[in-house]
């Protein structure tokens, strides 16, 4: 079902480009202005100059000026700091990291995948997308005529066949660096037999998008444009990082919701509104993120993995833990139209029953993030709830919603159902950095 193939990637030529720790960048959507400036200052070859371009002086008012600057930065990288592999290759990528006291190695590879729209092929989403980020990435893709950033996809391979077919051909890493608290190793595999064997391993698999929904949809839109311009063959394929659903290093962390911008939040009224569906327990607000995680995880486990999340008014000193009732009836709760994969999913229940019904935050407002902040850091979310928004630097926050991580099995179930979760439902840790491999589509045309 999934067609993948090797390609001639562009990689940093480290003898010319410099220390890889000065060249990589996080995904564009997690970098603020200060972070972008810090990355750009590390090296004139840091890929932030390309993925987060700044308009050249005197052109700031031009609509596409920053994208033209990104294209110029990319061509400069090609001339000064990149090497173009002559043989089609897959790029095996390992990340060594620690999460909540345990060390993992997540293994995967970068290649090309035949692009199909969501719902029309083997590539399946689990989250909604927004139009703004897609417009931005499309303009940059057009200007550079390249795939610059990686989508993160997953496939099922319990026997780890993909590792077995590539391992004999891996050799020494072409990039190895400790960066952003993670160890990164990149290997190039160009052996034609090994590449063909890997393509065969994935031929019957679905691909589940873990991260990069916007980037994937943007590649599909760019494909349509290139095909209309007569550049059909290169346009069919998009650059992607793929990892095994059965990999021991596949770690998912929670993303917490912080409510703001409402006229007021009456937590008692919120709890009363959802009490028919949840068991309610009020306890002291934990002072540390590890303690909060333990409360939510242990409560969920004691309830046979029923949906569990916590609510607190910043600075109140209390945590209200909601656990889905054992006799919960989705139809009686007005959720009968949701697919079964969503009817008992904690993040879906929070958005439907708490945010929309009890607090009046419409789906449109949720999509626009008009009343929600999303915190990936449990430490920061706990600080707001424990100390109060003012003390924690977020005085406008009115309610903090603490989540458990969404299990991978639930992500797959939602993908297979053809539906999607609310945005920011998953946080696959760690993120895939930009700068490992680029694809110059113009060279292939």
Protein backbone atom coordinates (compact mmCIF):
# COMPACT_ATOMS: atom_id res chain seq x y z
CA UNK A 1 0.00 0.00 0.00
CA UNK A 2 2.77 2.45 0.91
CA UNK A 3 5.29 3.11 -1.86
CA UNK A 4 8.65 4.33 -0.59
CA UNK A 5 11.98 4.75 -2.34
CA UNK A 6 15.51 5.94 -1.84
CA UNK A 7 16.64 9.35 -3.10
CA UNK A 8 19.72 11.47 -3.67
CA UNK A 9 19.68 13.59 -0.56
CA UNK A 10 21.49 16.80 0.27
CA UNK A 11 23.47 16.58 3.52
CA UNK A 12 25.79 18.87 5.40
CA UNK A 13 29.37 18.39 4.21
CA UNK A 14 30.79 18.64 7.71
CA UNK A 15 34.42 19.45 6.77
CA UNK A 16 33.09 22.57 5.03
CA UNK A 17 29.95 23.27 7.06
CA UNK A 18 31.38 22.98 10.56
CA UNK A 19 30.19 21.45 13.82
CA UNK A 20 26.76 19.81 13.32
CA UNK A 21 25.71 21.17 16.72
CA UNK A 22 25.79 24.60 15.07
CA UNK A 23 23.83 23.51 12.00
CA UNK A 24 20.65 21.72 13.16
CA UNK A 25 17.43 23.45 14.21
CA UNK A 26 14.20 22.34 15.89
CA UNK A 27 11.06 22.18 13.73
CA UNK A 28 10.08 25.67 12.62
CA UNK A 29 6.83 25.73 14.60
CA UNK A 30 8.49 25.37 18.02
CA UNK A 31 11.05 28.18 17.52
CA UNK A 32 10.24 31.71 18.70
CA UNK A 33 11.97 34.89 17.55
CA UNK A 34 14.64 34.74 20.25
CA UNK A 35 15.32 31.11 19.51
CA UNK A 36 15.61 31.82 15.80
CA UNK A 37 18.12 34.60 16.44
CA UNK A 38 20.20 32.32 18.67
CA UNK A 39 20.24 29.55 16.07
CA UNK A 40 21.15 31.91 13.25
CA UNK A 41 24.01 33.34 15.28
CA UNK A 42 25.59 29.90 15.71
CA UNK A 43 26.59 29.64 12.06
CA UNK A 44 25.83 31.28 8.70
CA UNK A 45 25.06 27.71 7.60
CA UNK A 46 22.50 26.93 10.30
CA UNK A 47 19.33 25.77 8.57
CA UNK A 48 17.25 28.30 10.53
CA UNK A 49 18.34 30.83 7.90
CA UNK A 50 16.33 28.74 5.41
CA UNK A 51 13.32 27.43 7.35
CA UNK A 52 12.74 30.66 9.29
CA UNK A 53 13.89 33.30 6.82
CA UNK A 54 14.02 37.02 7.46
CA UNK A 55 13.41 39.51 4.66
CA UNK A 56 16.50 41.27 3.36
CA UNK A 57 16.91 44.91 4.46
CA UNK A 58 14.80 47.24 2.36
CA UNK A 59 12.41 44.47 1.21
CA UNK A 60 10.42 44.02 4.42
CA UNK A 61 7.21 45.35 2.86
CA UNK A 62 7.22 42.95 -0.07
CA UNK A 63 4.71 40.09 0.39
CA UNK A 64 7.12 37.28 -0.50
CA UNK A 65 10.36 38.90 0.61
CA UNK A 66 11.15 36.52 3.44
CA UNK A 67 10.57 33.47 1.24
CA UNK A 68 12.94 34.88 -1.38
CA UNK A 69 15.48 35.30 1.42
CA UNK A 70 14.92 31.68 2.41
CA UNK A 71 15.54 30.53 -1.17
CA UNK A 72 18.75 32.58 -1.33
CA UNK A 73 19.90 31.06 1.97
CA UNK A 74 19.16 27.57 0.66
CA UNK A 75 21.18 28.14 -2.54
CA UNK A 76 24.00 29.49 -0.40
CA UNK A 77 23.92 26.29 1.66
CA UNK A 78 24.09 24.20 -1.51
CA UNK A 79 27.09 26.16 -2.76
CA UNK A 80 29.00 26.39 0.53
CA UNK A 81 27.98 23.66 2.95
CA UNK A 82 26.07 20.73 1.41
CA UNK A 83 26.97 17.60 -0.50
CA UNK A 84 24.62 15.93 -2.95
CA UNK A 85 24.69 12.14 -2.74
CA UNK A 86 25.18 10.56 -6.16
CA UNK A 87 23.51 7.23 -5.30
CA UNK A 88 19.84 6.97 -4.24
CA UNK A 89 19.91 6.30 -0.51
CA UNK A 90 17.88 5.77 2.60
CA UNK A 91 19.12 7.63 5.68
CA UNK A 92 18.89 5.61 8.89
CA UNK A 93 18.47 7.86 11.90
CA UNK A 94 18.90 7.01 15.59
CA UNK A 95 18.04 9.26 18.54
CA UNK A 96 19.39 8.48 22.02
CA UNK A 97 17.52 10.29 24.78
CA UNK A 98 16.22 10.17 28.34
CA UNK A 99 12.59 10.66 29.33
CA UNK A 100 11.30 10.55 32.90
CA UNK A 101 14.46 8.82 34.09
CA UNK A 102 14.61 6.12 31.39
CA UNK A 103 17.00 6.01 28.44
CA UNK A 104 15.74 5.12 24.97
CA UNK A 105 16.99 4.78 21.40
CA UNK A 106 14.39 5.52 18.75
CA UNK A 107 15.27 4.14 15.33
CA UNK A 108 13.91 5.11 11.94
CA UNK A 109 14.92 6.21 8.47
CA UNK A 110 14.43 9.04 5.99
CA UNK A 111 13.23 8.30 2.47
CA UNK A 112 10.63 9.35 -0.08
CA UNK A 113 6.99 8.30 0.02
CA UNK A 114 4.43 8.48 -2.77
CA UNK A 115 2.16 11.38 -1.82
CA UNK A 116 -1.55 10.69 -1.39
CA UNK A 117 -4.13 12.98 0.14
CA UNK A 118 -5.48 12.04 3.55
CA UNK A 119 -8.38 9.63 3.01
CA UNK A 120 -7.21 8.66 -0.49
CA UNK A 121 -4.30 6.34 0.25
CA UNK A 122 -2.21 4.62 2.91
CA UNK A 123 -1.07 7.81 4.69
CA UNK A 124 -3.41 8.51 7.62
CA UNK A 125 -3.66 11.57 9.90
CA UNK A 126 -4.72 11.76 13.53
CA UNK A 127 -5.01 15.54 14.05
CA UNK A 128 -6.73 18.48 12.38
CA UNK A 129 -4.67 21.04 10.49
CA UNK A 130 -4.90 24.81 10.17
CA UNK A 131 -4.70 26.86 6.97
CA UNK A 132 -2.19 29.49 8.15
CA UNK A 133 0.84 27.21 8.69
CA UNK A 134 0.16 25.44 5.39
CA UNK A 135 0.20 28.74 3.44
CA UNK A 136 3.48 29.71 5.07
CA UNK A 137 5.22 26.40 4.36
CA UNK A 138 3.90 26.30 0.79
CA UNK A 139 5.39 29.70 -0.05
CA UNK A 140 8.77 28.58 1.30
CA UNK A 141 8.57 25.27 -0.59
CA UNK A 142 7.77 27.12 -3.81
CA UNK A 143 10.60 29.59 -3.36
CA UNK A 144 13.21 26.93 -2.60
CA UNK A 145 11.81 24.26 -4.95
CA UNK A 146 12.74 21.77 -2.25
CA UNK A 147 11.60 19.64 0.63
CA UNK A 148 13.40 21.13 3.61
CA UNK A 149 11.64 19.65 6.65
CA UNK A 150 10.70 16.16 7.72
CA UNK A 151 7.28 14.70 8.35
CA UNK A 152 7.28 12.03 11.09
CA UNK A 153 5.39 8.88 10.12
CA UNK A 154 4.97 5.43 11.70
CA UNK A 155 4.38 1.92 10.38
CA UNK A 156 3.75 -1.48 11.97
CA UNK A 157 6.66 -3.92 11.95
CA UNK A 158 6.60 -6.15 15.07
CA UNK A 159 9.36 -8.38 13.70
CA UNK A 160 11.57 -5.36 12.94
CA UNK A 161 12.19 -6.54 9.42
CA UNK A 162 13.20 -3.06 8.31
CA UNK A 163 16.19 -3.07 10.64
CA UNK A 164 17.25 -6.53 9.51
CA UNK A 165 17.36 -5.61 5.82
CA UNK A 166 19.33 -2.38 6.31
CA UNK A 167 21.71 -3.29 9.14
CA UNK A 168 24.33 -5.07 6.96
CA UNK A 169 24.62 -2.02 4.70
CA UNK A 170 24.73 0.79 7.27
CA UNK A 171 28.45 1.33 7.83
CA UNK A 172 29.70 4.30 9.86
CA UNK A 173 27.52 7.34 10.61
CA UNK A 174 27.78 10.32 8.28
CA UNK A 175 26.65 12.61 11.11
CA UNK A 176 26.93 12.09 14.85
CA UNK A 177 26.31 14.77 17.45
CA UNK A 178 24.94 15.51 20.90
CA UNK A 179 22.44 18.29 20.32
CA UNK A 180 19.54 19.71 22.32
CA UNK A 181 19.95 17.02 24.98
CA UNK A 182 19.68 14.17 22.46
CA UNK A 183 22.27 11.99 20.73
CA UNK A 184 21.81 11.96 16.94
CA UNK A 185 23.34 9.46 14.50
CA UNK A 186 22.68 9.45 10.75
CA UNK A 187 23.75 6.60 8.45
CA UNK A 188 23.53 6.51 4.65
CA UNK A 189 22.46 3.25 3.00
CA UNK A 190 22.89 3.20 -0.78
CA UNK A 191 23.17 -0.54 -1.49
CA UNK A 192 20.51 -1.15 -4.19
CA UNK A 193 19.50 -4.57 -2.84
CA UNK A 194 19.07 -3.25 0.70
CA UNK A 195 17.05 -0.28 -0.55
CA UNK A 196 14.80 -2.53 -2.63
CA UNK A 197 14.30 -4.86 0.33
CA UNK A 198 13.23 -1.95 2.55
CA UNK A 199 10.72 -0.76 -0.04
CA UNK A 200 9.26 -4.29 -0.08
CA UNK A 201 8.96 -4.40 3.73
CA UNK A 202 6.66 -1.36 3.74
CA UNK A 203 4.74 -2.19 0.58
CA UNK A 204 1.70 -3.53 2.46
CA UNK A 205 1.68 -1.07 5.37
CA UNK A 206 -0.33 1.99 6.30
CA UNK A 207 1.63 5.07 7.36
CA UNK A 208 0.36 6.94 10.42
CA UNK A 209 1.40 10.59 10.73
CA UNK A 210 2.87 11.25 14.18
CA UNK A 211 4.01 14.84 13.59
CA UNK A 212 4.06 17.19 10.63
CA UNK A 213 0.46 17.00 9.38
CA UNK A 214 0.75 20.54 7.99
CA UNK A 215 4.02 19.77 6.23
CA UNK A 216 2.60 16.62 4.65
CA UNK A 217 -0.50 18.38 3.32
CA UNK A 218 1.72 21.16 1.98
CA UNK A 219 3.83 18.65 0.06
CA UNK A 220 0.62 17.30 -1.51
CA UNK A 221 -0.43 20.79 -2.59
CA UNK A 222 3.03 21.47 -4.03
CA UNK A 223 2.84 18.14 -5.87
CA UNK A 224 -0.37 19.26 -7.58
CA UNK A 225 1.33 22.48 -8.70
CA UNK A 226 4.41 20.69 -10.03
CA UNK A 227 2.34 18.13 -11.91
CA UNK A 228 0.34 20.95 -13.53
CA UNK A 229 3.67 22.46 -14.60
CA UNK A 230 4.75 19.21 -16.25
CA UNK A 231 7.16 18.09 -13.53
CA UNK A 232 5.18 15.02 -12.63
CA UNK A 233 7.69 12.37 -11.52
CA UNK A 234 9.58 14.32 -8.84
CA UNK A 235 6.26 15.78 -7.67
CA UNK A 236 4.83 12.39 -6.77
CA UNK A 237 7.19 11.87 -3.86
CA UNK A 238 7.63 13.58 -0.50
CA UNK A 239 10.44 13.40 2.03
CA UNK A 240 9.53 11.65 5.29
CA UNK A 241 11.04 10.13 8.43
CA UNK A 242 9.52 6.75 9.30
CA UNK A 243 9.72 4.82 12.56
CA UNK A 244 8.30 1.54 13.76
CA UNK A 245 5.11 1.55 15.86
CA UNK A 246 6.70 -1.34 17.76
CA UNK A 247 9.96 0.50 18.46
CA UNK A 248 10.78 0.61 22.18
CA UNK A 249 11.96 4.19 21.74
CA UNK A 250 8.59 5.50 20.56
CA UNK A 251 7.73 7.84 23.45
CA UNK A 252 4.60 10.01 23.65
CA UNK A 253 4.29 12.81 26.22
CA UNK A 254 1.19 14.83 27.13
CA UNK A 255 0.26 18.29 25.91
CA UNK A 256 -1.64 20.32 28.51
CA UNK A 257 -4.34 22.90 27.80
CA UNK A 258 -4.45 26.33 29.47
CA UNK A 259 -7.67 28.31 29.16
CA UNK A 260 -7.62 32.09 28.83
CA UNK A 261 -9.66 34.98 27.47
CA UNK A 262 -13.07 34.02 28.88
CA UNK A 263 -15.24 36.38 30.91
CA UNK A 264 -14.73 34.07 33.85
CA UNK A 265 -14.29 30.42 34.82
CA UNK A 266 -16.42 28.83 37.56
CA UNK A 267 -14.75 25.48 38.16
CA UNK A 268 -17.60 24.33 40.38
CA UNK A 269 -20.08 24.91 37.57
CA UNK A 270 -17.80 23.12 35.11
CA UNK A 271 -17.59 20.08 37.38
CA UNK A 272 -21.33 20.06 37.92
CA UNK A 273 -21.88 20.11 34.16
CA UNK A 274 -19.75 17.02 33.59
CA UNK A 275 -20.47 15.16 36.84
CA UNK A 276 -22.95 12.78 35.14
CA UNK A 277 -20.07 11.41 33.09
CA UNK A 278 -17.08 11.50 35.45
CA UNK A 279 -16.07 10.38 38.92
CA UNK A 280 -14.70 13.45 40.69
CA UNK A 281 -11.91 13.62 43.27
CA UNK A 282 -10.50 16.85 44.72
CA UNK A 283 -7.04 16.76 46.27
CA UNK A 284 -4.14 19.06 47.04
CA UNK A 285 -2.40 20.45 43.98
CA UNK A 286 0.94 18.57 43.56
CA UNK A 287 4.00 20.76 43.91
CA UNK A 288 6.13 18.89 41.36
CA UNK A 289 5.45 17.68 37.84
CA UNK A 290 6.51 14.11 38.68
CA UNK A 291 3.90 14.00 41.43
CA UNK A 292 1.20 15.29 39.08
CA UNK A 293 2.11 12.71 36.46
CA UNK A 294 1.95 9.97 39.09
CA UNK A 295 -1.52 11.11 40.20
CA UNK A 296 -2.93 11.05 36.67
CA UNK A 297 -1.21 7.84 35.57
CA UNK A 298 -2.06 5.89 38.72
CA UNK A 299 -5.66 7.10 38.74
CA UNK A 300 -6.08 6.07 35.11
CA UNK A 301 -4.50 2.66 35.80
CA UNK A 302 -6.70 2.05 38.85
CA UNK A 303 -9.75 2.81 36.69
CA UNK A 304 -8.74 0.18 34.10
CA UNK A 305 -7.34 2.83 31.73
CA UNK A 306 -10.52 4.90 31.59
CA UNK A 307 -10.02 8.52 30.49
CA UNK A 308 -8.52 10.66 33.25
CA UNK A 309 -7.46 14.31 33.38
CA UNK A 310 -7.03 17.06 35.96
CA UNK A 311 -8.31 20.64 36.28
CA UNK A 312 -7.08 23.44 38.50
CA UNK A 313 -7.67 27.15 38.96
CA UNK A 314 -4.19 28.74 39.03
CA UNK A 315 -3.06 29.31 42.60
CA UNK A 316 -6.10 27.64 44.17
CA UNK A 317 -4.09 24.84 45.77
CA UNK A 318 -6.55 22.19 44.59
CA UNK A 319 -6.51 19.65 41.77
CA UNK A 320 -9.81 18.24 40.54
CA UNK A 321 -9.27 14.82 38.97
CA UNK A 322 -11.96 13.63 36.57
CA UNK A 323 -12.15 9.93 35.65
CA UNK A 324 -14.65 8.62 33.14
CA UNK A 325 -17.43 6.68 34.88
CA UNK A 326 -17.44 2.94 34.37
CA UNK A 327 -21.06 3.10 33.17
CA UNK A 328 -20.42 5.98 30.74
CA UNK A 329 -22.82 5.93 27.80
CA UNK A 330 -21.55 8.00 24.84
CA UNK A 331 -25.04 8.22 23.31
CA UNK A 332 -26.57 9.54 26.53
CA UNK A 333 -23.78 12.13 26.65
CA UNK A 334 -24.63 13.28 23.13
CA UNK A 335 -21.47 11.77 21.66
CA UNK A 336 -23.09 8.98 19.69
CA UNK A 337 -22.02 10.53 16.38
CA UNK A 338 -18.34 10.25 17.28
CA UNK A 339 -16.54 7.15 16.07
CA UNK A 340 -15.87 4.60 18.85
CA UNK A 341 -12.16 5.44 18.84
CA UNK A 342 -13.01 8.96 20.07
CA UNK A 343 -15.97 8.29 22.37
CA UNK A 344 -13.83 7.44 25.41
CA UNK A 345 -10.60 9.23 24.51
CA UNK A 346 -9.55 11.70 27.19
CA UNK A 347 -8.50 14.55 24.89
CA UNK A 348 -11.70 14.24 22.83
CA UNK A 349 -13.84 14.22 25.98
CA UNK A 350 -12.04 17.24 27.39
CA UNK A 351 -12.61 19.22 24.21
CA UNK A 352 -16.24 18.12 23.70
CA UNK A 353 -17.60 18.11 27.26
CA UNK A 354 -15.41 20.55 29.20
CA UNK A 355 -14.06 23.11 26.75
CA UNK A 356 -17.01 23.33 24.35
CA UNK A 357 -20.10 22.56 26.43
CA UNK A 358 -19.13 23.61 29.95
CA UNK A 359 -16.94 26.61 29.03
CA UNK A 360 -18.48 27.61 25.68
CA UNK A 361 -15.24 27.47 23.70
CA UNK A 362 -16.53 26.56 20.24
CA UNK A 363 -14.75 24.21 17.87
CA UNK A 364 -13.94 27.23 15.71
CA UNK A 365 -12.35 29.00 18.67
CA UNK A 366 -10.45 25.84 19.57
CA UNK A 367 -9.12 25.53 16.03
CA UNK A 368 -8.05 29.18 16.07
CA UNK A 369 -6.48 28.73 19.54
CA UNK A 370 -8.46 31.81 20.56
CA UNK A 371 -8.89 30.67 24.17
CA UNK A 372 -6.25 27.97 24.53
CA UNK A 373 -2.53 27.76 25.10
CA UNK A 374 -0.81 24.41 24.63
CA UNK A 375 2.05 23.56 27.00
CA UNK A 376 4.26 20.59 26.20
CA UNK A 377 6.28 21.20 29.36
CA UNK A 378 4.60 19.62 32.38
CA UNK A 379 6.99 21.58 34.62
CA UNK A 380 5.74 24.90 33.23
CA UNK A 381 2.08 23.83 33.32
CA UNK A 382 2.43 22.74 36.95
CA UNK A 383 4.12 26.04 37.83
CA UNK A 384 1.10 27.96 36.48
CA UNK A 385 -1.37 25.77 38.37
CA UNK A 386 0.63 25.65 41.58
CA UNK A 387 1.88 29.22 41.92
CA UNK A 388 -0.82 31.07 39.99
CA UNK A 389 -0.55 32.51 36.53
CA UNK A 390 0.88 35.83 37.68
CA UNK A 391 3.75 34.21 39.58
CA UNK A 392 4.45 31.82 36.71
CA UNK A 393 4.45 34.51 34.02
CA UNK A 394 1.03 33.67 32.60
CA UNK A 395 -1.37 35.98 34.47
CA UNK A 396 -4.15 35.61 31.89
CA UNK A 397 -4.55 31.85 32.43
CA UNK A 398 -7.90 31.00 34.04
CA UNK A 399 -7.88 27.19 34.09
CA UNK A 400 -5.21 24.53 33.58
CA UNK A 401 -6.17 21.15 32.10
CA UNK A 402 -3.60 18.44 32.78
CA UNK A 403 -3.51 15.47 30.42
CA UNK A 404 -2.10 11.98 30.32
CA UNK A 405 -0.12 11.02 27.23
CA UNK A 406 -2.21 9.55 24.41
CA UNK A 407 -1.21 5.89 23.92
CA UNK A 408 0.05 4.99 20.46
CA UNK A 409 -2.68 2.34 20.17
CA UNK A 410 -5.30 5.10 20.45
CA UNK A 411 -3.53 7.18 17.79
CA UNK A 412 -3.64 4.20 15.43
CA UNK A 413 -7.30 3.48 16.24
CA UNK A 414 -8.30 7.05 15.42
CA UNK A 415 -6.28 7.00 12.18
CA UNK A 416 -7.87 3.73 11.13
CA UNK A 417 -11.34 5.12 11.87
CA UNK A 418 -10.87 7.88 9.30
CA UNK A 419 -11.44 10.58 11.91
CA UNK A 420 -9.00 12.91 13.68
CA UNK A 421 -8.30 14.06 17.22
CA UNK A 422 -8.29 17.67 18.37
CA UNK A 423 -5.08 19.45 17.44
CA UNK A 424 -2.07 19.06 19.73
CA UNK A 425 -3.35 15.72 21.02
CA UNK A 426 0.06 14.05 20.89
CA UNK A 427 3.66 15.00 21.57
CA UNK A 428 6.05 12.40 20.18
CA UNK A 429 9.31 12.97 22.02
CA UNK A 430 11.88 13.98 20.98
CA UNK A 431 11.10 16.08 17.92
CA UNK A 432 12.88 15.41 14.62
CA UNK A 433 15.31 18.28 13.95
CA UNK A 434 15.67 20.04 10.63
CA UNK A 435 19.01 19.78 8.87
CA UNK A 436 19.58 16.02 8.71
CA UNK A 437 18.71 15.71 5.00
CA UNK A 438 17.23 18.03 2.38
CA UNK A 439 15.74 17.25 -1.02
CA UNK A 440 16.46 19.55 -3.97
CA UNK A 441 13.45 18.93 -6.24
CA UNK A 442 14.74 21.30 -8.89
CA UNK A 443 17.80 19.11 -9.45
CA UNK A 444 15.53 16.09 -10.07
CA UNK A 445 13.31 17.82 -12.64
